[in-house]
Amino acid sequence: MDYLIGLKKTIDELSVIDDLAEYDAAVVSTLLLGFHSPESDIDIVCRYEDPQRFAEHLKRLYKSQSGFELRQQEDYCLCRFFFGGFQFEIYGAQTPVHRQNAYRHFQIMRRVKELAGDAFAQKVRLLRAQGLKPEAAICKLLDIDGEPYRAILHLEAKSDQELAALLSQYSSTNSEH
Protein backbone atom coordinates (compact mmCIF):
# COMPACT_ATOMS: atom_id res chain seq x y z
CA MET A 1 0.00 0.00 0.00
CA ASP A 2 1.92 2.97 -1.30
CA TYR A 3 -0.54 5.48 0.18
CA LEU A 4 0.07 4.00 3.65
CA ILE A 5 3.83 4.39 3.28
CA GLY A 6 3.33 7.98 2.10
CA LEU A 7 0.94 8.67 4.95
CA LYS A 8 3.32 7.42 7.63
CA LYS A 9 6.24 9.25 6.01
CA THR A 10 4.24 12.50 5.99
CA ILE A 11 3.28 12.11 9.66
CA ASP A 12 6.93 11.45 10.54
CA GLU A 13 8.20 14.32 8.39
CA LEU A 14 5.86 16.76 10.14
CA SER A 15 6.91 15.31 13.55
CA VAL A 16 3.35 15.94 14.69
CA ILE A 17 3.23 13.09 17.22
CA ASP A 18 6.54 14.12 18.79
CA ASP A 19 5.58 17.80 18.73
CA LEU A 20 2.28 17.05 20.48
CA ALA A 21 3.54 14.26 22.77
CA GLU A 22 2.82 16.27 25.92
CA TYR A 23 -0.85 16.23 24.84
CA ASP A 24 -0.97 12.42 24.44
CA ALA A 25 -1.42 12.80 20.68
CA ALA A 26 -2.79 9.77 18.84
CA VAL A 27 -3.47 9.32 15.12
CA VAL A 28 -7.03 8.08 14.58
CA SER A 29 -7.31 8.36 10.81
CA THR A 30 -9.35 5.93 8.72
CA LEU A 31 -6.51 6.22 6.20
CA LEU A 32 -4.51 3.86 8.44
CA LEU A 33 -7.27 1.26 8.30
CA GLY A 34 -8.09 1.28 4.61
CA PHE A 35 -11.56 2.69 5.39
CA HIS A 36 -10.76 5.99 3.72
CA SER A 37 -12.32 8.05 0.97
CA PRO A 38 -10.66 10.68 -1.23
CA GLU A 39 -11.79 13.31 1.30
CA SER A 40 -10.23 11.54 4.29
CA ASP A 41 -7.81 13.50 6.41
CA ILE A 42 -5.21 12.64 9.01
CA ASP A 43 -7.08 12.91 12.29
CA ILE A 44 -5.13 13.38 15.50
CA VAL A 45 -6.68 13.59 18.95
CA CYS A 46 -5.08 15.22 21.97
CA ARG A 47 -5.78 15.98 25.60
CA TYR A 48 -4.95 19.34 27.10
CA GLU A 49 -5.07 20.82 30.58
CA ASP A 50 -4.96 24.44 29.45
CA PRO A 51 -6.93 25.17 26.25
CA GLN A 52 -5.22 28.52 25.63
CA ARG A 53 -1.74 27.00 25.96
CA PHE A 54 -2.74 24.18 23.59
CA ALA A 55 -4.09 26.65 21.01
CA GLU A 56 -0.93 28.76 21.22
CA HIS A 57 1.20 25.63 20.79
CA LEU A 58 -0.76 24.69 17.64
CA LYS A 59 -0.42 28.22 16.24
CA ARG A 60 3.32 28.25 16.87
CA LEU A 61 3.79 24.88 15.16
CA TYR A 62 1.41 25.05 12.21
CA LYS A 63 0.33 28.63 11.42
CA SER A 64 2.66 28.70 8.40
CA GLN A 65 1.05 25.58 6.87
CA SER A 66 -1.31 25.93 3.92
CA GLY A 67 -4.97 26.34 4.84
CA PHE A 68 -4.23 26.79 8.54
CA GLU A 69 -7.31 27.40 10.63
CA LEU A 70 -7.85 27.17 14.36
CA ARG A 71 -11.21 27.09 16.08
CA GLN A 72 -11.47 27.32 19.84
CA GLN A 73 -14.72 26.42 21.54
CA GLU A 74 -15.54 26.17 25.22
CA ASP A 75 -14.89 22.43 25.38
CA TYR A 76 -12.54 21.71 22.47
CA CYS A 77 -9.99 23.10 20.05
CA LEU A 78 -9.80 22.14 16.37
CA CYS A 79 -6.89 22.87 14.05
CA ARG A 80 -6.77 22.14 10.31
CA PHE A 81 -4.04 22.57 7.72
CA PHE A 82 -2.44 20.88 4.72
CA PHE A 83 0.98 19.27 4.67
CA GLY A 84 2.59 16.80 2.28
CA GLY A 85 -0.57 16.38 0.20
CA PHE A 86 -2.75 15.51 3.21
CA GLN A 87 -5.16 17.54 5.26
CA PHE A 88 -4.44 17.29 8.97
CA GLU A 89 -7.13 17.75 11.58
CA ILE A 90 -5.99 18.04 15.19
CA TYR A 91 -8.67 17.89 17.86
CA GLY A 92 -7.97 18.64 21.49
CA ALA A 93 -10.14 18.47 24.59
CA GLN A 94 -9.75 18.04 28.33
CA THR A 95 -11.13 14.52 28.06
CA PRO A 96 -8.40 11.85 28.19
CA VAL A 97 -7.60 10.62 24.67
CA HIS A 98 -8.67 7.03 25.37
CA ARG A 99 -12.15 8.30 26.34
CA GLN A 100 -12.67 10.57 23.32
CA ASN A 101 -15.17 9.18 20.83
CA ALA A 102 -12.84 9.57 17.84
CA TYR A 103 -10.24 7.41 19.59
CA ARG A 104 -12.84 4.87 20.68
CA HIS A 105 -14.31 4.70 17.15
CA PHE A 106 -10.84 4.21 15.69
CA GLN A 107 -10.07 1.35 18.08
CA ILE A 108 -13.36 -0.34 17.21
CA MET A 109 -12.74 0.10 13.48
CA ARG A 110 -9.19 -1.24 13.91
CA ARG A 111 -10.53 -4.39 15.57
CA VAL A 112 -13.19 -4.80 12.87
CA LYS A 113 -10.53 -4.45 10.16
CA GLU A 114 -8.21 -6.95 11.85
CA LEU A 115 -11.00 -9.51 12.19
CA ALA A 116 -12.81 -8.88 8.88
CA GLY A 117 -9.90 -8.23 6.53
CA ASP A 118 -9.41 -6.34 3.30
CA ALA A 119 -12.63 -7.44 1.57
CA PHE A 120 -14.63 -5.78 4.33
CA ALA A 121 -12.47 -2.65 4.09
CA GLN A 122 -13.18 -2.55 0.34
CA LYS A 123 -16.93 -2.64 1.05
CA VAL A 124 -16.52 0.21 3.54
CA ARG A 125 -14.63 2.25 0.91
CA LEU A 126 -17.40 1.62 -1.64
CA LEU A 127 -19.99 2.92 0.81
CA ARG A 128 -17.74 5.87 1.64
CA ALA A 129 -17.65 6.69 -2.08
CA GLN A 130 -21.44 6.92 -1.89
CA GLY A 131 -21.14 9.53 0.86
CA LEU A 132 -21.32 7.50 4.06
CA LYS A 133 -19.00 8.14 6.98
CA PRO A 134 -17.02 5.06 8.12
CA GLU A 135 -19.17 4.50 11.20
CA ALA A 136 -22.34 4.56 9.09
CA ALA A 137 -20.78 2.23 6.50
CA ILE A 138 -19.80 -0.33 9.14
CA CYS A 139 -23.22 -0.17 10.78
CA LYS A 140 -24.89 -0.66 7.40
CA LEU A 141 -22.69 -3.64 6.51
CA LEU A 142 -23.25 -5.27 9.90
CA ASP A 143 -26.96 -4.40 9.98
CA ILE A 144 -26.60 -2.39 13.19
CA ASP A 145 -29.54 -0.09 13.87
CA GLY A 146 -29.45 3.36 15.40
CA GLU A 147 -27.45 6.51 15.04
CA PRO A 148 -24.07 5.24 13.72
CA TYR A 149 -21.79 7.33 15.95
CA ARG A 150 -23.48 5.91 19.04
CA ALA A 151 -24.37 2.49 17.66
CA ILE A 152 -20.78 1.62 16.75
CA LEU A 153 -19.77 2.15 20.37
CA HIS A 154 -21.83 -0.94 21.26
CA LEU A 155 -19.17 -3.00 19.48
CA GLU A 156 -16.55 -1.75 21.94
CA ALA A 157 -17.72 -4.08 24.72
CA LYS A 158 -17.77 -7.15 22.49
CA SER A 159 -14.95 -9.64 22.82
CA ASP A 160 -12.97 -10.52 19.71
CA GLN A 161 -14.88 -13.81 19.61
CA GLU A 162 -18.27 -12.02 19.71
CA LEU A 163 -17.13 -9.50 17.13
CA ALA A 164 -15.81 -12.27 14.87
CA ALA A 165 -19.20 -14.03 15.13
CA LEU A 166 -20.99 -10.82 14.07
CA LEU A 167 -18.56 -10.40 11.18
CA SER A 168 -19.02 -14.03 10.10
CA GLN A 169 -22.77 -13.36 9.83
CA TYR A 170 -21.89 -10.47 7.52
CA SER A 171 -19.58 -12.73 5.49
CA SER A 172 -22.14 -15.50 5.09
CA THR A 173 -24.96 -13.14 4.03
CA ASN A 174 -22.71 -11.31 1.58
CA SER A 175 -21.16 -14.41 0.00
CA GLU A 176 -24.60 -15.42 -1.27
CA HIS A 177 -24.75 -12.40 -3.59
Foldseek 3Di string as FASTA:
>chain_A
DVVLVLVVVQCVVLVVCVLQVVFVKDWLWCVNLLLDEPQTATEIEGADDDVVVVQVSCCVSDVPAAPWDWDDDPFKIWIWGDTSRGIYIYIYGNDRPCPDLSNLLSVLSNLLCVLQHDVLSVQSHVVVVVPDDSQVSVCVLLVFDDDSSVRSSVSSPDDSVRSNVSSVVSVVVVVVD
